[in-house]
Amino acid sequence: MHLANLHPLALASGLAGFESDWVYVGAGSEVSQLAPDGSVSRAIATIPADAGPITGLCFDTAAEFAHELLVLTAGGPVYGV
């Protein structure tokens, strides 16, 4: 599968201000937030384009990174949202 076709997802558990059951989606260099019922979709972050496309999303449930949404990229950098 080509990285351009990959859209990583993460489901919020309600930690650090991320509302429970909202879905976070990575597409290209943008992270979007989707309401549980699909009624709301909005971009919440844009990762620098030179980092490459977003390849993974996960929530820091252990508080090692202040419960941030961690954004992994093809170029190597990891960002916290």
N, C-alpha and C. Protein backbone atom coordinates (compact mmCIF):
# COMPACT_ATOMS: atom_id res chain seq x y z
N MET A 1 0.83 -1.17 0.00
CA MET A 1 0.00 0.00 0.00
C MET A 1 0.88 1.24 0.00
N HIS A 2 0.55 2.18 -0.82
CA HIS A 2 1.29 3.44 -0.91
C HIS A 2 0.91 4.34 0.26
N LEU A 3 1.89 5.06 0.85
CA LEU A 3 1.63 5.91 2.01
C LEU A 3 0.58 6.97 1.75
N ALA A 4 0.43 7.43 0.51
CA ALA A 4 -0.57 8.45 0.20
C ALA A 4 -1.98 7.94 0.41
N ASN A 5 -2.16 6.61 0.41
CA ASN A 5 -3.49 6.03 0.59
C ASN A 5 -3.77 5.66 2.04
N LEU A 6 -2.81 5.86 2.91
CA LEU A 6 -2.94 5.49 4.31
C LEU A 6 -3.59 6.63 5.10
N HIS A 7 -4.62 6.32 5.91
CA HIS A 7 -5.29 7.31 6.74
C HIS A 7 -5.38 6.76 8.16
N PRO A 8 -4.34 6.98 8.97
CA PRO A 8 -4.34 6.45 10.33
C PRO A 8 -5.45 7.08 11.18
N LEU A 9 -5.95 6.29 12.13
CA LEU A 9 -7.03 6.71 13.02
C LEU A 9 -6.61 6.54 14.47
N ALA A 10 -7.20 7.35 15.35
CA ALA A 10 -7.05 7.17 16.80
C ALA A 10 -8.39 7.56 17.43
N LEU A 11 -8.79 6.82 18.44
CA LEU A 11 -10.04 7.07 19.15
C LEU A 11 -9.72 7.66 20.52
N ALA A 12 -10.29 8.83 20.81
CA ALA A 12 -10.03 9.51 22.08
C ALA A 12 -10.75 8.82 23.23
N SER A 13 -10.07 8.77 24.38
CA SER A 13 -10.66 8.14 25.57
C SER A 13 -11.09 9.17 26.61
N GLY A 14 -10.95 10.45 26.28
CA GLY A 14 -11.40 11.50 27.20
C GLY A 14 -10.28 12.12 28.02
N LEU A 15 -9.03 11.80 27.75
CA LEU A 15 -7.91 12.36 28.50
C LEU A 15 -7.45 13.69 27.90
N ALA A 16 -6.93 14.55 28.74
CA ALA A 16 -6.26 15.81 28.35
C ALA A 16 -7.08 16.70 27.44
N GLY A 17 -8.37 16.75 27.66
CA GLY A 17 -9.21 17.65 26.87
C GLY A 17 -9.70 17.09 25.55
N PHE A 18 -9.29 15.88 25.21
CA PHE A 18 -9.81 15.24 24.00
C PHE A 18 -11.11 14.54 24.37
N GLU A 19 -12.21 14.99 23.77
CA GLU A 19 -13.51 14.43 24.12
C GLU A 19 -13.59 12.94 23.81
N SER A 20 -14.17 12.20 24.74
CA SER A 20 -14.30 10.76 24.60
C SER A 20 -15.07 10.38 23.34
N ASP A 21 -14.58 9.36 22.66
CA ASP A 21 -15.20 8.76 21.48
C ASP A 21 -15.09 9.58 20.20
N TRP A 22 -14.40 10.71 20.24
CA TRP A 22 -14.14 11.43 19.00
C TRP A 22 -13.02 10.68 18.27
N VAL A 23 -13.08 10.69 16.94
CA VAL A 23 -12.10 9.99 16.12
C VAL A 23 -11.17 11.02 15.49
N TYR A 24 -9.88 10.72 15.50
CA TYR A 24 -8.87 11.59 14.90
C TYR A 24 -8.27 10.87 13.71
N VAL A 25 -8.17 11.58 12.59
CA VAL A 25 -7.74 11.00 11.32
C VAL A 25 -6.56 11.79 10.77
N GLY A 26 -5.55 11.08 10.30
CA GLY A 26 -4.42 11.72 9.63
C GLY A 26 -4.55 11.52 8.13
N ALA A 27 -4.40 12.61 7.38
CA ALA A 27 -4.44 12.54 5.91
C ALA A 27 -3.44 13.55 5.36
N GLY A 28 -2.44 13.06 4.65
CA GLY A 28 -1.40 13.95 4.16
C GLY A 28 -0.64 14.54 5.34
N SER A 29 -0.73 15.86 5.51
CA SER A 29 -0.07 16.51 6.64
C SER A 29 -1.08 17.12 7.61
N GLU A 30 -2.34 16.72 7.50
CA GLU A 30 -3.40 17.29 8.33
C GLU A 30 -4.01 16.26 9.28
N VAL A 31 -4.30 16.71 10.51
CA VAL A 31 -5.02 15.89 11.48
C VAL A 31 -6.41 16.49 11.64
N SER A 32 -7.43 15.66 11.46
CA SER A 32 -8.81 16.11 11.59
C SER A 32 -9.50 15.39 12.73
N GLN A 33 -10.53 16.03 13.25
CA GLN A 33 -11.32 15.51 14.37
C GLN A 33 -12.73 15.24 13.85
N LEU A 34 -13.26 14.05 14.16
CA LEU A 34 -14.61 13.67 13.72
C LEU A 34 -15.47 13.36 14.94
N ALA A 35 -16.67 13.92 14.97
CA ALA A 35 -17.60 13.65 16.07
C ALA A 35 -18.04 12.19 16.04
N PRO A 36 -18.42 11.64 17.19
CA PRO A 36 -18.84 10.23 17.25
C PRO A 36 -19.98 9.90 16.29
N ASP A 37 -20.89 10.86 16.07
CA ASP A 37 -22.02 10.60 15.18
C ASP A 37 -21.75 11.05 13.74
N GLY A 38 -20.55 11.55 13.48
CA GLY A 38 -20.18 11.97 12.13
C GLY A 38 -20.68 13.34 11.73
N SER A 39 -21.31 14.04 12.66
CA SER A 39 -21.92 15.33 12.31
C SER A 39 -20.92 16.48 12.20
N VAL A 40 -19.74 16.34 12.78
CA VAL A 40 -18.74 17.41 12.78
C VAL A 40 -17.40 16.85 12.32
N SER A 41 -16.76 17.58 11.43
CA SER A 41 -15.41 17.24 10.99
C SER A 41 -14.65 18.55 10.86
N ARG A 42 -13.49 18.62 11.53
CA ARG A 42 -12.70 19.84 11.42
C ARG A 42 -11.22 19.51 11.59
N ALA A 43 -10.40 20.29 10.86
CA ALA A 43 -8.96 20.15 10.97
C ALA A 43 -8.51 20.75 12.29
N ILE A 44 -7.61 20.05 13.01
CA ILE A 44 -7.12 20.57 14.29
C ILE A 44 -5.62 20.84 14.27
N ALA A 45 -4.91 20.30 13.30
CA ALA A 45 -3.46 20.52 13.24
C ALA A 45 -2.95 20.23 11.83
N THR A 46 -1.90 20.94 11.48
CA THR A 46 -1.19 20.68 10.23
C THR A 46 0.28 20.48 10.57
N ILE A 47 0.82 19.37 10.13
CA ILE A 47 2.21 19.00 10.37
C ILE A 47 3.05 19.57 9.22
N PRO A 48 4.27 20.03 9.47
CA PRO A 48 5.10 20.54 8.38
C PRO A 48 5.20 19.54 7.22
N ALA A 49 5.01 20.03 6.01
CA ALA A 49 4.99 19.17 4.83
C ALA A 49 6.31 18.41 4.63
N ASP A 50 7.43 19.01 5.04
CA ASP A 50 8.71 18.34 4.84
C ASP A 50 8.91 17.13 5.76
N ALA A 51 8.01 16.91 6.71
CA ALA A 51 8.07 15.73 7.58
C ALA A 51 7.53 14.49 6.87
N GLY A 52 6.90 14.69 5.72
CA GLY A 52 6.29 13.58 5.00
C GLY A 52 4.88 13.36 5.49
N PRO A 53 4.15 12.45 4.86
CA PRO A 53 2.76 12.20 5.27
C PRO A 53 2.66 11.57 6.65
N ILE A 54 1.53 11.76 7.27
CA ILE A 54 1.24 11.16 8.57
C ILE A 54 1.07 9.66 8.39
N THR A 55 1.80 8.88 9.18
CA THR A 55 1.74 7.42 9.06
C THR A 55 1.13 6.75 10.29
N GLY A 56 0.94 7.49 11.36
CA GLY A 56 0.36 6.89 12.56
C GLY A 56 -0.12 7.95 13.53
N LEU A 57 -1.16 7.60 14.28
CA LEU A 57 -1.70 8.45 15.35
C LEU A 57 -1.92 7.57 16.57
N CYS A 58 -1.60 8.07 17.75
CA CYS A 58 -1.93 7.35 18.97
C CYS A 58 -1.98 8.32 20.13
N PHE A 59 -2.82 8.02 21.09
CA PHE A 59 -2.91 8.83 22.29
C PHE A 59 -1.95 8.31 23.34
N ASP A 60 -1.32 9.22 24.03
CA ASP A 60 -0.41 8.88 25.12
C ASP A 60 -1.23 8.62 26.38
N THR A 61 -1.64 7.41 26.58
CA THR A 61 -2.48 7.06 27.74
C THR A 61 -1.66 6.86 29.02
N ALA A 62 -0.33 6.79 28.90
CA ALA A 62 0.54 6.59 30.06
C ALA A 62 1.06 7.91 30.63
N ALA A 63 0.73 9.03 30.01
CA ALA A 63 1.14 10.37 30.44
C ALA A 63 2.64 10.61 30.32
N GLU A 64 3.31 9.87 29.47
CA GLU A 64 4.73 10.11 29.23
C GLU A 64 4.93 11.41 28.43
N PHE A 65 3.90 11.79 27.66
CA PHE A 65 3.94 12.99 26.82
C PHE A 65 2.71 13.85 27.08
N ALA A 66 2.32 13.97 28.35
CA ALA A 66 1.20 14.84 28.79
C ALA A 66 -0.13 14.48 28.13
N HIS A 67 -0.33 13.20 27.84
CA HIS A 67 -1.58 12.70 27.24
C HIS A 67 -1.85 13.30 25.86
N GLU A 68 -0.82 13.74 25.17
CA GLU A 68 -1.01 14.33 23.85
C GLU A 68 -1.41 13.27 22.82
N LEU A 69 -1.94 13.75 21.72
CA LEU A 69 -2.14 12.92 20.54
C LEU A 69 -0.79 12.94 19.82
N LEU A 70 -0.17 11.78 19.66
CA LEU A 70 1.14 11.68 19.02
C LEU A 70 0.94 11.40 17.53
N VAL A 71 1.65 12.17 16.72
CA VAL A 71 1.52 12.08 15.27
C VAL A 71 2.86 11.62 14.71
N LEU A 72 2.86 10.45 14.08
CA LEU A 72 4.07 9.88 13.48
C LEU A 72 4.08 10.20 12.00
N THR A 73 5.27 10.48 11.45
CA THR A 73 5.37 10.84 10.05
C THR A 73 6.34 9.94 9.29
N ALA A 74 6.19 9.91 7.99
CA ALA A 74 7.05 9.08 7.13
C ALA A 74 8.50 9.56 7.17
N GLY A 75 8.71 10.86 7.40
CA GLY A 75 10.06 11.41 7.43
C GLY A 75 10.79 11.17 8.73
N GLY A 76 10.09 10.67 9.75
CA GLY A 76 10.73 10.35 11.01
C GLY A 76 10.29 11.16 12.22
N PRO A 77 10.05 12.48 12.08
CA PRO A 77 9.65 13.24 13.26
C PRO A 77 8.32 12.78 13.86
N VAL A 78 8.23 12.93 15.17
CA VAL A 78 6.99 12.65 15.90
C VAL A 78 6.54 13.97 16.53
N TYR A 79 5.28 14.30 16.35
CA TYR A 79 4.74 15.55 16.86
C TYR A 79 3.67 15.27 17.91
N GLY A 80 3.54 16.17 18.85
CA GLY A 80 2.48 16.10 19.84
C GLY A 80 1.45 17.17 19.58
N VAL A 81 0.19 16.78 19.65
CA VAL A 81 -0.91 17.73 19.45
C VAL A 81 -1.69 17.83 20.73
